[in-house]
Amino acid sequence: MSASAKYFQPDVLSRISRLELRARHVVEGFVSGMHKSPYKGFSVEFANHRPYAPGDDIRHIDWRAYAKADRFYIKEYEEETNMRVHILLDCSASMAYPEHPNSDRMNKWDYAATVAASLAHLLVYQQDGVGLTLFDADIVKQLPVSTSRSSLVDFVNVIEAAGPGNKTDMKTVLPRVASQIPRRGMVVVISDLLADVDELVRGLQRFSYGKHDVLILHVLDQDEIEFPFAERTLFEGMEDVDQRVLTDPQSLRRDYLEALEAYLGRIRRACLDNRIDYALLNTGEGMDVALSTFLATRMHRRRATA
C-alpha cells in the first residue's frame, strides 16, 4: 500500500478519534497522491489581464505589461474565481448503521462526516468557500459559506457535536435549503438517500432550477450493498423502531439485491436526466472516490463556464 493510499482506508481512519485530524490525513494523502494538482492558487494556468485596482496584491502585477503600456495590470488565473460550496450532511437515524461497529470499521455517519470535513479542508486549502447544513427531518444546524481557515474549527465542531437521531424528510428539507441559497454555487449532498426516490428527485430539482451544480455522494454501508447475512437475523428499523422482522436472510438475499439495484438505477437515471453528478460510496472502501468525483465535477464546471 502506498503512503497516500493508506489514508483512504476506513480501518485506518477509524483509529483516529478526532474528526479534524482524520480529515487532514485524508486530504494530505489525497493531494500527495496526485501526480499533478491543478489547484495551486496563483500558480495555475494564466487566464487574462485586468486593470490594477487599489487593494490588489502587488505580487500579481505583470511588470512586463507595465513596461509596454505604462499601466498596471494584474495577472488573473483560473483559481481566482472562488467557488461557493454548500455541503448538506444527512444526520438522520439511519446513518448510525451499524450501531456497534468493530474497532476497524466506521459507521455511515462517521464515514460521511469524515468525507464532509475532508471536502471542507480541501476547499479552504484551494481558497474556495464552504458552508454546512446538517439535516434530518428538518434543518438541524447551518454554517454560512466561508473561505477562512478558522471557520474549519466551527465546521468540525458542529459535526462532532451532532449525530444521527431522527427521521429523514427530503421532500421538506431540500426545497427549504434551496430557497436559502441566493447565489449560484455547488451543492454537495452526503447521505444514504433512504427516502422516496420521487420525493428525493423533486427536492434535488430545486437546486437545478437555481442553476446550482449538484453532486450526490451516496453513502451506503458494505452490509447494505452486499447483504452478507447468513444466519437467522432480526432486522430492526432505525427510523421506524416499530419495524422488526425476524427471518432467514439467505432466502431474501437475491430479492434484496435485485431491489437494491433497481433503487440505485432509478437514482442514477434521475441524476443523469437532471444533470446531477452522482457517486456511490461504500464505507468498506477508501474515500478517494469522493474527493476525485468532487474535483472532476469542479473541473467540468469551470470548463463549462469558461
C-alpha atoms as a PDB file:
ATOM      1  CA  MET A   1       0.000   0.000   0.000  1.00  0.00           C
ATOM      2  CA  SER A   2       1.374   3.432  -0.974  1.00  0.00           C
ATOM      3  CA  ALA A   3       1.871   6.173   1.573  1.00  0.00           C
ATOM      4  CA  SER A   4      -1.034   8.186   0.141  1.00  0.00           C
ATOM      5  CA  ALA A   5      -3.442   5.258  -0.307  1.00  0.00           C
ATOM      6  CA  LYS A   6      -3.258   4.303   3.373  1.00  0.00           C
ATOM      7  CA  TYR A   7      -5.161   7.445   4.311  1.00  0.00           C
ATOM      8  CA  PHE A   8      -8.194   6.327   2.324  1.00  0.00           C
ATOM      9  CA  GLN A   9      -8.763   3.157   4.341  1.00  0.00           C
ATOM     10  CA  PRO A  10     -11.672   3.287   6.835  1.00  0.00           C
ATOM     11  CA  ASP A  11      -9.935   0.867   9.195  1.00  0.00           C
ATOM     12  CA  VAL A  12      -7.006   3.287   9.452  1.00  0.00           C
ATOM     13  CA  LEU A  13      -9.176   6.368   9.836  1.00  0.00           C
ATOM     14  CA  SER A  14     -11.393   4.719  12.449  1.00  0.00           C
ATOM     15  CA  ARG A  15      -8.418   4.587  14.799  1.00  0.00           C
ATOM     16  CA  ILE A  16      -8.072   8.374  14.684  1.00  0.00           C
ATOM     17  CA  SER A  17     -10.586   9.742  17.165  1.00  0.00           C
ATOM     18  CA  ARG A  18     -10.583  13.414  16.160  1.00  0.00           C
ATOM     19  CA  LEU A  19     -12.559  14.306  13.052  1.00  0.00           C
ATOM     20  CA  GLU A  20     -10.290  17.250  12.206  1.00  0.00           C
ATOM     21  CA  LEU A  21      -7.218  15.030  12.299  1.00  0.00           C
ATOM     22  CA  ARG A  22      -8.895  12.341  10.221  1.00  0.00           C
ATOM     23  CA  ALA A  23      -9.951  14.875   7.592  1.00  0.00           C
ATOM     24  CA  ARG A  24      -6.473  16.392   7.403  1.00  0.00           C
ATOM     25  CA  HIS A  25      -4.960  12.938   6.898  1.00  0.00           C
ATOM     26  CA  VAL A  26      -7.381  12.187   4.068  1.00  0.00           C
ATOM     27  CA  VAL A  27      -6.646  15.450   2.258  1.00  0.00           C
ATOM     28  CA  GLU A  28      -2.881  15.286   2.760  1.00  0.00           C
ATOM     29  CA  GLY A  29      -2.822  11.730   1.469  1.00  0.00           C
ATOM     30  CA  PHE A  30      -5.027  12.579  -1.480  1.00  0.00           C
ATOM     31  CA  VAL A  31      -3.089  15.662  -2.525  1.00  0.00           C
ATOM     32  CA  SER A  32       0.282  13.930  -2.171  1.00  0.00           C
ATOM     33  CA  GLY A  33      -1.045  11.039  -4.240  1.00  0.00           C
ATOM     34  CA  MET A  34      -1.948  13.254  -7.200  1.00  0.00           C
ATOM     35  CA  HIS A  35       0.692  13.310  -9.934  1.00  0.00           C
ATOM     36  CA  LYS A  36      -0.038  16.918 -10.769  1.00  0.00           C
ATOM     37  CA  SER A  37      -2.536  19.077  -8.957  1.00  0.00           C
ATOM     38  CA  PRO A  38      -4.200  21.900 -10.937  1.00  0.00           C
ATOM     39  CA  TYR A  39      -5.131  23.582  -7.670  1.00  0.00           C
ATOM     40  CA  LYS A  40      -2.131  25.674  -6.652  1.00  0.00           C
ATOM     41  CA  GLY A  41      -3.593  29.129  -6.034  1.00  0.00           C
ATOM     42  CA  PHE A  42      -1.874  31.701  -8.245  1.00  0.00           C
ATOM     43  CA  SER A  43       0.447  29.140  -9.859  1.00  0.00           C
ATOM     44  CA  VAL A  44      -2.301  27.627 -12.009  1.00  0.00           C
ATOM     45  CA  GLU A  45      -2.933  28.359 -15.683  1.00  0.00           C
ATOM     46  CA  PHE A  46      -2.901  32.027 -16.729  1.00  0.00           C
ATOM     47  CA  ALA A  47      -6.317  33.288 -17.887  1.00  0.00           C
ATOM     48  CA  ASN A  48      -6.048  37.008 -18.753  1.00  0.00           C
ATOM     49  CA  HIS A  49      -5.164  40.504 -17.536  1.00  0.00           C
ATOM     50  CA  ARG A  50      -7.304  43.069 -15.786  1.00  0.00           C
ATOM     51  CA  PRO A  51      -6.520  46.640 -14.728  1.00  0.00           C
ATOM     52  CA  TYR A  52      -4.970  47.061 -11.299  1.00  0.00           C
ATOM     53  CA  ALA A  53      -7.375  48.273  -8.599  1.00  0.00           C
ATOM     54  CA  PRO A  54      -6.488  49.676  -5.154  1.00  0.00           C
ATOM     55  CA  GLY A  55      -6.171  46.791  -2.721  1.00  0.00           C
ATOM     56  CA  ASP A  56      -4.901  44.243  -5.247  1.00  0.00           C
ATOM     57  CA  ASP A  57      -1.842  42.280  -4.218  1.00  0.00           C
ATOM     58  CA  ILE A  58       1.152  43.900  -5.955  1.00  0.00           C
ATOM     59  CA  ARG A  59       2.805  40.483  -6.213  1.00  0.00           C
ATOM     60  CA  HIS A  60       0.477  39.731  -9.123  1.00  0.00           C
ATOM     61  CA  ILE A  61       1.257  42.840 -11.164  1.00  0.00           C
ATOM     62  CA  ASP A  62       2.544  41.977 -14.644  1.00  0.00           C
ATOM     63  CA  TRP A  63       5.665  44.179 -14.843  1.00  0.00           C
ATOM     64  CA  ARG A  64       6.268  43.321 -18.490  1.00  0.00           C
ATOM     65  CA  ALA A  65       2.821  44.610 -19.378  1.00  0.00           C
ATOM     66  CA  TYR A  66       3.560  47.741 -17.336  1.00  0.00           C
ATOM     67  CA  ALA A  67       6.788  48.325 -19.280  1.00  0.00           C
ATOM     68  CA  LYS A  68       4.888  48.171 -22.570  1.00  0.00           C
ATOM     69  CA  ALA A  69       1.718  50.063 -21.669  1.00  0.00           C
ATOM     70  CA  ASP A  70       2.855  52.225 -18.728  1.00  0.00           C
ATOM     71  CA  ARG A  71      -0.195  50.961 -16.824  1.00  0.00           C
ATOM     72  CA  PHE A  72      -0.558  48.409 -14.061  1.00  0.00           C
ATOM     73  CA  TYR A  73      -2.238  45.104 -14.931  1.00  0.00           C
ATOM     74  CA  ILE A  74      -2.976  42.127 -12.691  1.00  0.00           C
ATOM     75  CA  LYS A  75      -2.473  38.581 -13.927  1.00  0.00           C
ATOM     76  CA  GLU A  76      -5.647  36.565 -13.418  1.00  0.00           C
ATOM     77  CA  TYR A  77      -5.652  32.812 -13.100  1.00  0.00           C
ATOM     78  CA  GLU A  78      -8.412  30.229 -13.103  1.00  0.00           C
ATOM     79  CA  GLU A  79      -8.169  29.805  -9.350  1.00  0.00           C
ATOM     80  CA  GLU A  80      -9.050  33.431  -8.644  1.00  0.00           C
ATOM     81  CA  THR A  81     -12.730  32.724  -9.230  1.00  0.00           C
ATOM     82  CA  ASN A  82     -13.710  31.349  -5.840  1.00  0.00           C
ATOM     83  CA  MET A  83     -16.425  28.750  -5.736  1.00  0.00           C
ATOM     84  CA  ARG A  84     -19.155  28.666  -3.085  1.00  0.00           C
ATOM     85  CA  VAL A  85     -19.895  25.124  -1.960  1.00  0.00           C
ATOM     86  CA  HIS A  86     -22.785  24.160   0.297  1.00  0.00           C
ATOM     87  CA  ILE A  87     -22.330  20.759   1.953  1.00  0.00           C
ATOM     88  CA  LEU A  88     -25.575  19.106   3.047  1.00  0.00           C
ATOM     89  CA  LEU A  89     -24.824  16.334   5.542  1.00  0.00           C
ATOM     90  CA  ASP A  90     -27.504  13.809   6.498  1.00  0.00           C
ATOM     91  CA  CYS A  91     -27.651  13.185  10.254  1.00  0.00           C
ATOM     92  CA  SER A  92     -30.810  11.064  10.281  1.00  0.00           C
ATOM     93  CA  ALA A  93     -31.043   7.915  12.400  1.00  0.00           C
ATOM     94  CA  SER A  94     -30.289   5.508   9.540  1.00  0.00           C
ATOM     95  CA  MET A  95     -26.800   6.999   9.247  1.00  0.00           C
ATOM     96  CA  ALA A  96     -25.911   5.321  12.563  1.00  0.00           C
ATOM     97  CA  TYR A  97     -25.684   1.890  10.934  1.00  0.00           C
ATOM     98  CA  PRO A  98     -24.017  -0.236  12.121  1.00  0.00           C
ATOM     99  CA  GLU A  99     -24.748   0.804  15.692  1.00  0.00           C
ATOM    100  CA  HIS A 100     -21.926  -1.312  17.099  1.00  0.00           C
ATOM    101  CA  PRO A 101     -19.129  -1.354  14.506  1.00  0.00           C
ATOM    102  CA  ASN A 102     -15.869  -3.174  15.065  1.00  0.00           C
ATOM    103  CA  SER A 103     -12.823  -1.141  16.037  1.00  0.00           C
ATOM    104  CA  ASP A 104     -11.627  -1.252  12.423  1.00  0.00           C
ATOM    105  CA  ARG A 105     -14.940  -0.134  10.934  1.00  0.00           C
ATOM    106  CA  MET A 106     -16.736   3.191  10.544  1.00  0.00           C
ATOM    107  CA  ASN A 107     -20.496   3.543  10.531  1.00  0.00           C
ATOM    108  CA  LYS A 108     -22.173   5.599   7.815  1.00  0.00           C
ATOM    109  CA  TRP A 109     -22.248   8.733   9.965  1.00  0.00           C
ATOM    110  CA  ASP A 110     -18.532   8.664  10.801  1.00  0.00           C
ATOM    111  CA  TYR A 111     -17.682   7.933   7.182  1.00  0.00           C
ATOM    112  CA  ALA A 112     -19.928  10.706   5.811  1.00  0.00           C
ATOM    113  CA  ALA A 113     -18.735  13.186   8.454  1.00  0.00           C
ATOM    114  CA  THR A 114     -15.114  12.470   7.533  1.00  0.00           C
ATOM    115  CA  VAL A 115     -15.895  12.972   3.836  1.00  0.00           C
ATOM    116  CA  ALA A 116     -17.609  16.294   4.624  1.00  0.00           C
ATOM    117  CA  ALA A 117     -14.728  17.529   6.773  1.00  0.00           C
ATOM    118  CA  SER A 118     -12.202  16.386   4.157  1.00  0.00           C
ATOM    119  CA  LEU A 119     -14.005  18.329   1.426  1.00  0.00           C
ATOM    120  CA  ALA A 120     -14.106  21.392   3.668  1.00  0.00           C
ATOM    121  CA  HIS A 121     -10.344  21.176   4.231  1.00  0.00           C
ATOM    122  CA  LEU A 122      -9.726  20.731   0.518  1.00  0.00           C
ATOM    123  CA  LEU A 123     -11.955  23.688  -0.396  1.00  0.00           C
ATOM    124  CA  VAL A 124     -10.426  26.119   2.079  1.00  0.00           C
ATOM    125  CA  TYR A 125      -6.953  24.942   1.063  1.00  0.00           C
ATOM    126  CA  GLN A 126      -7.922  25.882  -2.507  1.00  0.00           C
ATOM    127  CA  GLN A 127      -9.259  29.286  -1.391  1.00  0.00           C
ATOM    128  CA  ASP A 128     -12.873  28.371  -2.087  1.00  0.00           C
ATOM    129  CA  GLY A 129     -15.793  28.955   0.247  1.00  0.00           C
ATOM    130  CA  VAL A 130     -17.660  26.205   2.075  1.00  0.00           C
ATOM    131  CA  GLY A 131     -20.814  26.160   4.179  1.00  0.00           C
ATOM    132  CA  LEU A 132     -22.571  23.380   6.080  1.00  0.00           C
ATOM    133  CA  THR A 133     -26.152  22.248   6.573  1.00  0.00           C
ATOM    134  CA  LEU A 134     -26.914  19.337   8.891  1.00  0.00           C
ATOM    135  CA  PHE A 135     -30.349  17.856   8.256  1.00  0.00           C
ATOM    136  CA  ASP A 136     -32.703  15.014   9.112  1.00  0.00           C
ATOM    137  CA  ALA A 137     -36.459  15.696   9.120  1.00  0.00           C
ATOM    138  CA  ASP A 138     -35.567  19.380   9.389  1.00  0.00           C
ATOM    139  CA  ILE A 139     -32.562  21.663   9.235  1.00  0.00           C
ATOM    140  CA  VAL A 140     -30.563  20.835  12.363  1.00  0.00           C
ATOM    141  CA  LYS A 141     -27.686  23.301  12.084  1.00  0.00           C
ATOM    142  CA  GLN A 142     -26.242  25.622   9.457  1.00  0.00           C
ATOM    143  CA  LEU A 143     -22.957  27.443   8.968  1.00  0.00           C
ATOM    144  CA  PRO A 144     -22.591  30.170   6.326  1.00  0.00           C
ATOM    145  CA  VAL A 145     -20.134  29.872   3.449  1.00  0.00           C
ATOM    146  CA  SER A 146     -16.646  30.967   4.451  1.00  0.00           C
ATOM    147  CA  THR A 147     -13.167  30.864   2.954  1.00  0.00           C
ATOM    148  CA  SER A 148     -11.464  31.363   6.328  1.00  0.00           C
ATOM    149  CA  ARG A 149      -9.286  28.581   7.685  1.00  0.00           C
ATOM    150  CA  SER A 150     -10.505  29.451  11.159  1.00  0.00           C
ATOM    151  CA  SER A 151     -14.032  28.550  10.032  1.00  0.00           C
ATOM    152  CA  LEU A 152     -12.897  24.933   9.725  1.00  0.00           C
ATOM    153  CA  VAL A 153     -12.840  24.765  13.523  1.00  0.00           C
ATOM    154  CA  ASP A 154     -16.547  25.646  13.681  1.00  0.00           C
ATOM    155  CA  PHE A 155     -17.263  23.293  10.780  1.00  0.00           C
ATOM    156  CA  VAL A 156     -15.707  20.320  12.535  1.00  0.00           C
ATOM    157  CA  ASN A 157     -17.048  21.213  15.983  1.00  0.00           C
ATOM    158  CA  VAL A 158     -20.625  21.409  14.696  1.00  0.00           C
ATOM    159  CA  ILE A 159     -20.349  17.972  13.101  1.00  0.00           C
ATOM    160  CA  GLU A 160     -18.732  16.424  16.176  1.00  0.00           C
ATOM    161  CA  ALA A 161     -21.453  17.860  18.417  1.00  0.00           C
ATOM    162  CA  ALA A 162     -24.167  16.361  16.214  1.00  0.00           C
ATOM    163  CA  GLY A 163     -25.053  12.773  15.480  1.00  0.00           C
ATOM    164  CA  PRO A 164     -27.744  10.578  13.934  1.00  0.00           C
ATOM    165  CA  GLY A 165     -31.065  10.559  15.749  1.00  0.00           C
ATOM    166  CA  ASN A 166     -34.173  11.462  13.761  1.00  0.00           C
ATOM    167  CA  LYS A 167     -36.161  10.521  10.690  1.00  0.00           C
ATOM    168  CA  THR A 168     -35.404  11.768   7.180  1.00  0.00           C
ATOM    169  CA  ASP A 169     -37.694  14.138   5.283  1.00  0.00           C
ATOM    170  CA  MET A 170     -36.077  15.026   1.965  1.00  0.00           C
ATOM    171  CA  LYS A 171     -39.234  16.477   0.441  1.00  0.00           C
ATOM    172  CA  THR A 172     -39.339  19.193   3.123  1.00  0.00           C
ATOM    173  CA  VAL A 173     -35.675  19.877   3.814  1.00  0.00           C
ATOM    174  CA  LEU A 174     -34.188  20.124   0.309  1.00  0.00           C
ATOM    175  CA  PRO A 175     -36.593  22.806  -1.029  1.00  0.00           C
ATOM    176  CA  ARG A 176     -36.127  24.785   2.185  1.00  0.00           C
ATOM    177  CA  VAL A 177     -32.346  24.736   1.860  1.00  0.00           C
ATOM    178  CA  ALA A 178     -32.575  25.595  -1.852  1.00  0.00           C
ATOM    179  CA  SER A 179     -34.633  28.704  -1.046  1.00  0.00           C
ATOM    180  CA  GLN A 180     -31.873  29.895   1.315  1.00  0.00           C
ATOM    181  CA  ILE A 181     -29.086  29.870  -1.287  1.00  0.00           C
ATOM    182  CA  PRO A 182     -29.367  33.084  -3.314  1.00  0.00           C
ATOM    183  CA  ARG A 183     -26.110  32.874  -5.252  1.00  0.00           C
ATOM    184  CA  ARG A 184     -25.234  30.209  -7.770  1.00  0.00           C
ATOM    185  CA  GLY A 185     -22.738  27.668  -6.481  1.00  0.00           C
ATOM    186  CA  MET A 186     -22.215  23.973  -5.890  1.00  0.00           C
ATOM    187  CA  VAL A 187     -24.353  21.827  -3.617  1.00  0.00           C
ATOM    188  CA  VAL A 188     -22.884  18.581  -2.268  1.00  0.00           C
ATOM    189  CA  VAL A 189     -25.402  16.213  -0.655  1.00  0.00           C
ATOM    190  CA  ILE A 190     -23.835  13.484   1.517  1.00  0.00           C
ATOM    191  CA  SER A 191     -26.481  10.978   2.542  1.00  0.00           C
ATOM    192  CA  ASP A 192     -27.611   7.365   2.457  1.00  0.00           C
ATOM    193  CA  LEU A 193     -30.647   8.615   0.466  1.00  0.00           C
ATOM    194  CA  LEU A 194     -33.048   6.313   2.293  1.00  0.00           C
ATOM    195  CA  ALA A 195     -36.088   8.213   1.113  1.00  0.00           C
ATOM    196  CA  ASP A 196     -38.742   8.007  -1.562  1.00  0.00           C
ATOM    197  CA  VAL A 197     -36.892   8.409  -4.865  1.00  0.00           C
ATOM    198  CA  ASP A 198     -39.552  10.671  -6.433  1.00  0.00           C
ATOM    199  CA  GLU A 199     -39.514  12.987  -3.411  1.00  0.00           C
ATOM    200  CA  LEU A 200     -35.721  12.993  -3.447  1.00  0.00           C
ATOM    201  CA  VAL A 201     -35.598  13.925  -7.129  1.00  0.00           C
ATOM    202  CA  ARG A 202     -38.145  16.715  -6.737  1.00  0.00           C
ATOM    203  CA  GLY A 203     -36.077  18.158  -3.904  1.00  0.00           C
ATOM    204  CA  LEU A 204     -32.848  17.984  -5.888  1.00  0.00           C
ATOM    205  CA  GLN A 205     -34.512  19.620  -8.888  1.00  0.00           C
ATOM    206  CA  ARG A 206     -34.985  22.748  -6.806  1.00  0.00           C
ATOM    207  CA  PHE A 207     -31.217  23.188  -6.775  1.00  0.00           C
ATOM    208  CA  SER A 208     -31.022  22.595 -10.527  1.00  0.00           C
ATOM    209  CA  TYR A 209     -33.686  25.270 -11.093  1.00  0.00           C
ATOM    210  CA  GLY A 210     -31.433  27.676  -9.196  1.00  0.00           C
ATOM    211  CA  LYS A 211     -28.586  26.909 -11.628  1.00  0.00           C
ATOM    212  CA  HIS A 212     -26.532  25.222  -8.911  1.00  0.00           C
ATOM    213  CA  ASP A 213     -24.148  22.398  -9.704  1.00  0.00           C
ATOM    214  CA  VAL A 214     -25.284  19.408  -7.663  1.00  0.00           C
ATOM    215  CA  LEU A 215     -23.157  16.483  -6.538  1.00  0.00           C
ATOM    216  CA  ILE A 216     -24.608  13.478  -4.715  1.00  0.00           C
ATOM    217  CA  LEU A 217     -22.277  11.397  -2.554  1.00  0.00           C
ATOM    218  CA  HIS A 218     -24.397   8.350  -1.752  1.00  0.00           C
ATOM    219  CA  VAL A 219     -23.053   6.651   1.374  1.00  0.00           C
ATOM    220  CA  LEU A 220     -24.050   3.035   1.973  1.00  0.00           C
ATOM    221  CA  ASP A 221     -22.619   0.523   4.386  1.00  0.00           C
ATOM    222  CA  GLN A 222     -20.936  -2.534   2.946  1.00  0.00           C
ATOM    223  CA  ASP A 223     -23.673  -4.694   4.512  1.00  0.00           C
ATOM    224  CA  GLU A 224     -26.335  -2.754   2.608  1.00  0.00           C
ATOM    225  CA  ILE A 225     -24.511  -3.279  -0.670  1.00  0.00           C
ATOM    226  CA  GLU A 226     -23.511  -6.934  -0.247  1.00  0.00           C
ATOM    227  CA  PHE A 227     -26.152  -8.280   2.215  1.00  0.00           C
ATOM    228  CA  PRO A 228     -23.707 -10.791   3.750  1.00  0.00           C
ATOM    229  CA  PHE A 229     -26.035 -12.133   6.456  1.00  0.00           C
ATOM    230  CA  ALA A 230     -26.193 -15.922   6.697  1.00  0.00           C
ATOM    231  CA  GLU A 231     -27.835 -16.932   9.984  1.00  0.00           C
ATOM    232  CA  ARG A 232     -31.376 -16.226  11.112  1.00  0.00           C
ATOM    233  CA  THR A 233     -31.442 -12.482  11.795  1.00  0.00           C
ATOM    234  CA  LEU A 234     -33.704  -9.921  13.427  1.00  0.00           C
ATOM    235  CA  PHE A 235     -33.855  -6.763  11.306  1.00  0.00           C
ATOM    236  CA  GLU A 236     -34.974  -3.595  13.087  1.00  0.00           C
ATOM    237  CA  GLY A 237     -35.947  -0.252  11.576  1.00  0.00           C
ATOM    238  CA  MET A 238     -33.611   2.582  12.573  1.00  0.00           C
ATOM    239  CA  GLU A 239     -36.024   5.398  11.738  1.00  0.00           C
ATOM    240  CA  ASP A 240     -39.173   3.387  12.407  1.00  0.00           C
ATOM    241  CA  VAL A 241     -38.493   1.455  15.608  1.00  0.00           C
ATOM    242  CA  ASP A 242     -41.756  -0.474  15.279  1.00  0.00           C
ATOM    243  CA  GLN A 243     -40.425  -2.291  12.218  1.00  0.00           C
ATOM    244  CA  ARG A 244     -38.960  -5.636  13.298  1.00  0.00           C
ATOM    245  CA  VAL A 245     -38.570  -8.651  11.011  1.00  0.00           C
ATOM    246  CA  LEU A 246     -37.119 -12.000  12.085  1.00  0.00           C
ATOM    247  CA  THR A 247     -36.199 -14.005   9.005  1.00  0.00           C
ATOM    248  CA  ASP A 248     -33.753 -16.227   7.167  1.00  0.00           C
ATOM    249  CA  PRO A 249     -31.661 -13.677   5.225  1.00  0.00           C
ATOM    250  CA  GLN A 250     -30.390 -16.221   2.708  1.00  0.00           C
ATOM    251  CA  SER A 251     -33.914 -16.650   1.386  1.00  0.00           C
ATOM    252  CA  LEU A 252     -34.155 -12.871   0.889  1.00  0.00           C
ATOM    253  CA  ARG A 253     -30.710 -12.104  -0.474  1.00  0.00           C
ATOM    254  CA  ARG A 254     -31.494 -12.421  -4.187  1.00  0.00           C
ATOM    255  CA  ASP A 255     -34.673 -10.332  -3.990  1.00  0.00           C
ATOM    256  CA  TYR A 256     -32.947  -7.770  -1.787  1.00  0.00           C
ATOM    257  CA  LEU A 257     -30.037  -7.297  -4.188  1.00  0.00           C
ATOM    258  CA  GLU A 258     -32.429  -7.008  -7.149  1.00  0.00           C
ATOM    259  CA  ALA A 259     -34.469  -4.382  -5.280  1.00  0.00           C
ATOM    260  CA  LEU A 260     -31.293  -2.510  -4.351  1.00  0.00           C
ATOM    261  CA  GLU A 261     -30.073  -2.474  -7.956  1.00  0.00           C
ATOM    262  CA  ALA A 262     -33.464  -1.202  -9.143  1.00  0.00           C
ATOM    263  CA  TYR A 263     -33.404   1.534  -6.489  1.00  0.00           C
ATOM    264  CA  LEU A 264     -29.844   2.593  -7.404  1.00  0.00           C
ATOM    265  CA  GLY A 265     -30.762   2.520 -11.086  1.00  0.00           C
ATOM    266  CA  ARG A 266     -33.659   4.910 -10.515  1.00  0.00           C
ATOM    267  CA  ILE A 267     -31.433   7.323  -8.626  1.00  0.00           C
ATOM    268  CA  ARG A 268     -28.693   7.195 -11.270  1.00  0.00           C
ATOM    269  CA  ARG A 269     -31.148   7.756 -14.130  1.00  0.00           C
ATOM    270  CA  ALA A 270     -32.797  10.648 -12.291  1.00  0.00           C
ATOM    271  CA  CYS A 271     -29.413  12.256 -11.643  1.00  0.00           C
ATOM    272  CA  LEU A 272     -28.430  11.807 -15.291  1.00  0.00           C
ATOM    273  CA  ASP A 273     -31.707  13.308 -16.528  1.00  0.00           C
ATOM    274  CA  ASN A 274     -31.249  16.344 -14.268  1.00  0.00           C
ATOM    275  CA  ARG A 275     -27.500  16.771 -14.894  1.00  0.00           C
ATOM    276  CA  ILE A 276     -26.648  15.896 -11.320  1.00  0.00           C
ATOM    277  CA  ASP A 277     -23.324  14.221 -10.622  1.00  0.00           C
ATOM    278  CA  TYR A 278     -23.545  11.031  -8.596  1.00  0.00           C
ATOM    279  CA  ALA A 279     -21.107   8.725  -6.805  1.00  0.00           C
ATOM    280  CA  LEU A 280     -21.842   5.670  -4.672  1.00  0.00           C
ATOM    281  CA  LEU A 281     -19.563   5.432  -1.629  1.00  0.00           C
ATOM    282  CA  ASN A 282     -19.071   2.084   0.080  1.00  0.00           C
ATOM    283  CA  THR A 283     -18.000   2.510   3.722  1.00  0.00           C
ATOM    284  CA  GLY A 284     -15.741  -0.502   3.291  1.00  0.00           C
ATOM    285  CA  GLU A 285     -13.673   1.309   0.681  1.00  0.00           C
ATOM    286  CA  GLY A 286     -11.440   4.378   0.615  1.00  0.00           C
ATOM    287  CA  MET A 287     -12.588   7.986   0.410  1.00  0.00           C
ATOM    288  CA  ASP A 288     -10.585   8.847  -2.692  1.00  0.00           C
ATOM    289  CA  VAL A 289     -13.703   8.259  -4.818  1.00  0.00           C
ATOM    290  CA  ALA A 290     -15.498  11.118  -3.059  1.00  0.00           C
ATOM    291  CA  LEU A 291     -12.612  13.558  -3.459  1.00  0.00           C
ATOM    292  CA  SER A 292     -11.907  12.517  -7.057  1.00  0.00           C
ATOM    293  CA  THR A 293     -15.586  12.884  -8.004  1.00  0.00           C
ATOM    294  CA  PHE A 294     -15.712  16.306  -6.396  1.00  0.00           C
ATOM    295  CA  LEU A 295     -12.620  17.543  -8.237  1.00  0.00           C
ATOM    296  CA  ALA A 296     -13.828  16.120 -11.563  1.00  0.00           C
ATOM    297  CA  THR A 297     -17.190  17.870 -11.105  1.00  0.00           C
ATOM    298  CA  ARG A 298     -15.458  21.100 -10.223  1.00  0.00           C
ATOM    299  CA  MET A 299     -13.177  20.976 -13.265  1.00  0.00           C
ATOM    300  CA  HIS A 300     -16.162  20.242 -15.513  1.00  0.00           C
ATOM    301  CA  ARG A 301     -17.967  23.259 -14.060  1.00  0.00           C
ATOM    302  CA  ARG A 302     -15.005  25.555 -14.730  1.00  0.00           C
ATOM    303  CA  ARG A 303     -14.654  24.375 -18.329  1.00  0.00           C
ATOM    304  CA  ALA A 304     -18.391  24.737 -18.959  1.00  0.00           C
ATOM    305  CA  THR A 305     -18.419  28.334 -17.701  1.00  0.00           C
ATOM    306  CA  ALA A 306     -15.119  29.355 -19.302  1.00  0.00           C
END
